[in-house]
Protein backbone atom coordinates (compact mmCIF):
# COMPACT_ATOMS: atom_id res chain seq x y z
CA UNK A 1 34.33 -9.15 13.32
CA UNK A 2 32.89 -6.35 11.75
CA UNK A 3 29.51 -6.67 11.23
CA UNK A 4 26.56 -5.53 8.94
CA UNK A 5 22.52 -5.58 8.65
CA UNK A 6 21.02 -7.17 5.77
CA UNK A 7 18.25 -6.06 4.60
CA UNK A 8 15.36 -6.41 1.81
CA UNK A 9 14.96 -3.36 -0.13
CA UNK A 10 11.64 -3.25 -1.97
CA UNK A 11 9.49 -6.24 -0.77
CA UNK A 12 6.23 -6.61 -1.65
CA UNK A 13 3.07 -5.53 0.58
CA UNK A 14 3.53 -8.94 2.54
CA UNK A 15 7.42 -8.46 3.53
CA UNK A 16 8.23 -10.91 1.16
CA UNK A 17 11.05 -10.68 -1.84
CA UNK A 18 12.58 -7.87 -1.95
CA UNK A 19 16.77 -7.57 -2.41
CA UNK A 20 18.86 -8.04 -0.36
CA UNK A 21 21.38 -5.59 0.97
CA UNK A 22 24.25 -5.54 3.46
CA UNK A 23 25.02 -2.38 5.02
CA UNK A 24 28.17 -2.08 7.46
CA UNK A 25 26.62 0.85 9.71
CA UNK A 26 30.04 1.42 10.47
CA UNK A 27 31.47 1.33 7.50
CA UNK A 28 35.23 2.27 9.10
CA UNK A 29 35.34 -1.03 10.51
CA UNK A 30 36.33 -2.66 6.89
CA UNK A 31 39.20 -0.27 6.25
CA UNK A 32 38.57 1.17 2.49
CA UNK A 33 41.10 -1.03 0.54
CA UNK A 34 39.35 -4.18 1.87
CA UNK A 35 35.85 -3.14 0.90
CA UNK A 36 36.03 -4.60 -2.35
CA UNK A 37 36.93 -8.00 -1.46
CA UNK A 38 33.94 -7.77 1.11
CA UNK A 39 31.47 -7.12 -1.66
CA UNK A 40 32.86 -9.74 -3.77
CA UNK A 41 33.01 -12.18 -0.36
CA UNK A 42 29.62 -11.47 0.86
CA UNK A 43 27.72 -11.88 -2.76
CA UNK A 44 24.88 -9.37 -2.93
CA UNK A 45 23.79 -7.30 -5.58
CA UNK A 46 25.45 -4.38 -3.45
CA UNK A 47 27.07 -3.89 -0.29
CA UNK A 48 27.09 -0.12 1.31
CA UNK A 49 29.69 0.97 3.67
CA UNK A 50 28.61 4.26 5.56
CA UNK A 51 31.61 6.53 6.68
CA UNK A 52 29.38 8.75 8.47
CA UNK A 53 26.00 8.31 9.13
CA UNK A 54 25.15 11.57 10.52
CA UNK A 55 26.25 13.51 6.92
CA UNK A 56 25.25 10.42 4.90
CA UNK A 57 28.10 9.93 3.32
CA UNK A 58 28.75 6.22 1.88
CA UNK A 59 30.32 4.14 -0.82
CA UNK A 60 28.27 1.17 -2.33
CA UNK A 61 30.30 -1.63 -3.63
CA UNK A 62 29.33 -4.61 -5.94
CA UNK A 63 30.79 -7.75 -6.48
CA UNK A 64 32.77 -6.74 -9.23
CA UNK A 65 33.16 -2.36 -8.79
CA UNK A 66 32.44 0.55 -6.77
CA UNK A 67 29.48 2.55 -7.94
CA UNK A 68 28.34 6.16 -7.37
CA UNK A 69 24.98 5.42 -7.23
CA UNK A 70 22.65 2.91 -6.56
CA UNK A 71 19.00 2.85 -5.87
CA UNK A 72 18.48 -0.08 -3.86
CA UNK A 73 21.45 0.50 -1.73
CA UNK A 74 20.05 4.09 -0.39
CA UNK A 75 16.61 3.34 -0.04
CA UNK A 76 17.73 0.56 2.38
CA UNK A 77 20.40 2.62 4.22
CA UNK A 78 18.40 5.83 4.63
CA UNK A 79 15.99 3.31 6.40
CA UNK A 80 18.62 2.11 8.40
CA UNK A 81 20.18 5.19 9.35
CA UNK A 82 16.52 6.77 10.64
CA UNK A 83 16.29 3.59 12.70
CA UNK A 84 19.09 3.88 14.01
CA UNK A 85 19.69 7.33 14.38
CA UNK A 86 16.20 8.97 14.08
CA UNK A 87 16.26 10.55 11.20
CA UNK A 88 17.75 10.39 8.12
CA UNK A 89 17.44 13.46 5.39
CA UNK A 90 20.38 13.48 3.44
CA UNK A 91 22.56 10.52 1.78
CA UNK A 92 26.04 11.78 0.25
CA UNK A 93 26.72 8.96 -2.30
CA UNK A 94 29.91 9.67 -4.65
CA UNK A 95 27.32 10.87 -7.15
CA UNK A 96 25.86 13.43 -5.24
CA UNK A 97 23.37 14.57 -2.53
CA UNK A 98 20.44 12.82 -2.31
CA UNK A 99 16.96 13.86 -0.21
CA UNK A 100 15.47 10.75 1.45
CA UNK A 101 12.35 10.74 3.25
CA UNK A 102 9.53 7.91 4.73
CA UNK A 103 5.79 8.62 3.62
CA UNK A 104 4.03 5.36 5.22
CA UNK A 105 5.27 2.44 4.60
CA UNK A 106 7.64 3.32 2.06
CA UNK A 107 11.46 5.05 1.86
CA UNK A 108 11.87 7.27 -0.89
CA UNK A 109 15.03 8.68 -2.00
CA UNK A 110 15.32 11.53 -4.56
CA UNK A 111 18.20 11.58 -7.33
CA UNK A 112 19.33 12.49 -10.87
CA UNK A 113 18.67 9.78 -14.03
CA UNK A 114 21.52 9.99 -15.28
CA UNK A 115 23.63 9.74 -12.15
CA UNK A 116 22.44 5.98 -12.66
CA UNK A 117 24.76 3.65 -14.67
CA UNK A 118 24.30 3.68 -18.63
CA UNK A 119 21.76 0.92 -19.36
CA UNK A 120 19.12 -0.75 -22.24
CA UNK A 121 15.27 -0.22 -21.19
CA UNK A 122 13.99 -3.14 -23.90
CA UNK A 123 10.27 -2.73 -24.13
CA UNK A 124 8.16 -5.90 -25.09
CA UNK A 125 5.11 -6.50 -26.30
CA UNK A 126 3.16 -8.75 -23.54
CA UNK A 127 4.68 -9.30 -19.46
CA UNK A 128 4.67 -12.76 -20.93
CA UNK A 129 7.51 -12.30 -23.06
CA UNK A 130 9.54 -11.00 -20.54
CA UNK A 131 8.42 -14.30 -17.77
CA UNK A 132 9.85 -16.10 -20.80
CA UNK A 133 13.53 -14.53 -21.02
CA UNK A 134 16.08 -16.97 -19.86
CA UNK A 135 18.92 -14.84 -19.56
CA UNK A 136 19.92 -11.63 -20.71
CA UNK A 137 18.97 -10.26 -24.97
CA UNK A 138 21.78 -10.36 -27.42
CA UNK A 139 24.29 -11.03 -23.99
CA UNK A 140 23.94 -7.29 -22.65
CA UNK A 141 25.46 -6.27 -20.25
CA UNK A 142 22.93 -3.93 -18.26
CA UNK A 143 19.52 -4.38 -19.49
CA UNK A 144 15.71 -3.80 -18.29
CA UNK A 145 13.24 -6.00 -19.89
CA UNK A 146 9.61 -4.41 -19.28
CA UNK A 147 6.05 -4.69 -20.29
CA UNK A 148 3.06 -2.42 -19.26
CA UNK A 149 0.83 -4.70 -16.93
CA UNK A 150 -1.70 -1.84 -16.86
CA UNK A 151 -0.82 1.16 -18.98
CA UNK A 152 -3.42 3.03 -17.98
CA UNK A 153 -2.25 2.67 -14.40
CA UNK A 154 1.08 2.72 -14.79
CA UNK A 155 1.98 -0.88 -13.79
CA UNK A 156 5.33 -2.26 -15.29
CA UNK A 157 6.63 -5.54 -14.99
CA UNK A 158 10.38 -6.32 -15.23
CA UNK A 159 13.34 -8.15 -14.92
CA UNK A 160 16.96 -6.80 -15.33
CA UNK A 161 19.78 -8.20 -15.93
CA UNK A 162 23.45 -7.03 -15.26
CA UNK A 163 26.28 -9.74 -16.26
CA UNK A 164 28.72 -6.36 -16.59
CA UNK A 165 28.61 -6.34 -12.75
CA UNK A 166 28.13 -10.29 -11.80
CA UNK A 167 24.80 -10.11 -11.31
CA UNK A 168 22.95 -12.88 -13.47
CA UNK A 169 19.93 -11.16 -12.84
CA UNK A 170 18.91 -8.42 -9.99
CA UNK A 171 16.00 -8.97 -7.96
CA UNK A 172 15.51 -4.92 -7.47
CA UNK A 173 16.71 -2.50 -9.14
CA UNK A 174 16.37 1.17 -8.07
CA UNK A 175 18.74 2.36 -10.34
CA UNK A 176 16.39 1.24 -13.20
CA UNK A 177 13.56 2.53 -11.73
CA UNK A 178 15.10 5.86 -12.19
CA UNK A 179 15.41 5.50 -15.86
CA UNK A 180 12.11 4.25 -16.03
CA UNK A 181 10.71 6.88 -14.14
CA UNK A 182 12.63 9.46 -16.66
CA UNK A 183 11.59 7.65 -19.54
CA UNK A 184 7.47 8.31 -18.46
CA UNK A 185 7.57 11.21 -16.37
CA UNK A 186 4.12 9.79 -14.22
CA UNK A 187 4.17 7.67 -11.42
CA UNK A 188 5.00 4.44 -11.85
CA UNK A 189 4.53 0.48 -9.78
CA UNK A 190 7.23 -1.63 -11.26
CA UNK A 191 6.68 -5.23 -10.37
CA UNK A 192 10.50 -6.79 -10.95
CA UNK A 193 11.79 -10.04 -10.36
CA UNK A 194 9.91 -12.64 -8.49
CA UNK A 195 7.63 -10.41 -6.17
CA UNK A 196 9.64 -7.14 -5.67
CA UNK A 197 7.78 -3.85 -6.41
CA UNK A 198 9.48 -0.35 -6.45
CA UNK A 199 8.08 3.15 -6.82
CA UNK A 200 8.93 5.55 -9.13
CA UNK A 201 7.81 9.25 -9.94
CA UNK A 202 8.62 12.68 -11.16
CA UNK A 203 10.64 14.90 -8.69
CA UNK A 204 11.40 18.90 -8.77
CA UNK A 205 14.23 20.02 -11.42
CA UNK A 206 13.98 16.90 -13.38
CA UNK A 207 14.82 14.59 -10.56
CA UNK A 208 13.17 11.14 -10.18
CA UNK A 209 11.62 9.86 -6.72
CA UNK A 210 11.60 5.95 -5.97
CA UNK A 211 10.72 4.54 -2.61
CA UNK A 212 9.58 0.75 -1.41
CA UNK A 213 9.46 -0.89 1.49
CA UNK A 214 12.63 -2.11 3.57
CA UNK A 215 12.95 -5.43 5.66
CA UNK A 216 15.13 -6.11 8.62
CA UNK A 217 16.93 -9.60 8.39
CA UNK A 218 19.25 -8.96 11.69
CA UNK A 219 22.83 -8.95 11.98
CA UNK A 220 25.58 -10.88 10.67
CA UNK A 221 29.15 -11.38 11.54
CA UNK A 222 31.61 -10.71 8.13
CA UNK A 223 33.86 -13.53 7.74
CA UNK A 224 30.64 -16.25 8.78
C-alpha cells in the first residue's frame, strides 16, 4: 500500500495550524492515471507526487485538478526532501524550476508570480471586515481577501477562498503569497486562516520569495 507523509505547512511559531499537505515521496508508487483520484480521496487542498527526489520533479493535485505550481506544496515538499535526502536546492513542478533553501526555521521557495493561478486580490479597510466574511464575496472562485494589520511593518490579515478547486477556504496559500508579494514589492508577514503564517518578499528578476515553517504530522497509508 502506498504511503504518504502528512505535513502542516506555514504553521505558526508554536507549530500549530498550517495547511495540511500529503506528499508521496515515492510518487511512482501511485500510477499517473490514479493520482487525481488519490488526491480527491485524501481531500487535502493539495497532494504531491514526487517522481524524482534527486531532480525535484513532482506533480501537484487538488481534489479537482492538477496544478502547474502551488506554494504550500512546494515549501512542504522541499522541506521533506531535504530532511530525507540531506539536501534540496531545486524543485521542478510543471511550471518550471523553483529554487529552494532553508533559512533558520523557515523553508523558502522562489518562483515567478505569474506561474501562480489567476486570482482576485480584494483589499478591505480592516481586518475586522475580513474576519466577518462567511464565504467568498460575489461568489468568486479564487479570491484572497486581505487587509493591513500593520502597514508600516508589512503585516497582512488574509483569508483565501478557492471554490473552483473544491476548497471552501484554504488555511494557507503560497500561491496567493506569490501574488501578494508581487503586488506590494516589499517583505510581508501574512497571517492567514485560523493561525497560519506566511512570509513573502521580492526576489531577483521579478521573482518572489515565499517561506514558512513546516511540521511533520506522521506517515500515513493511502487507503486508511
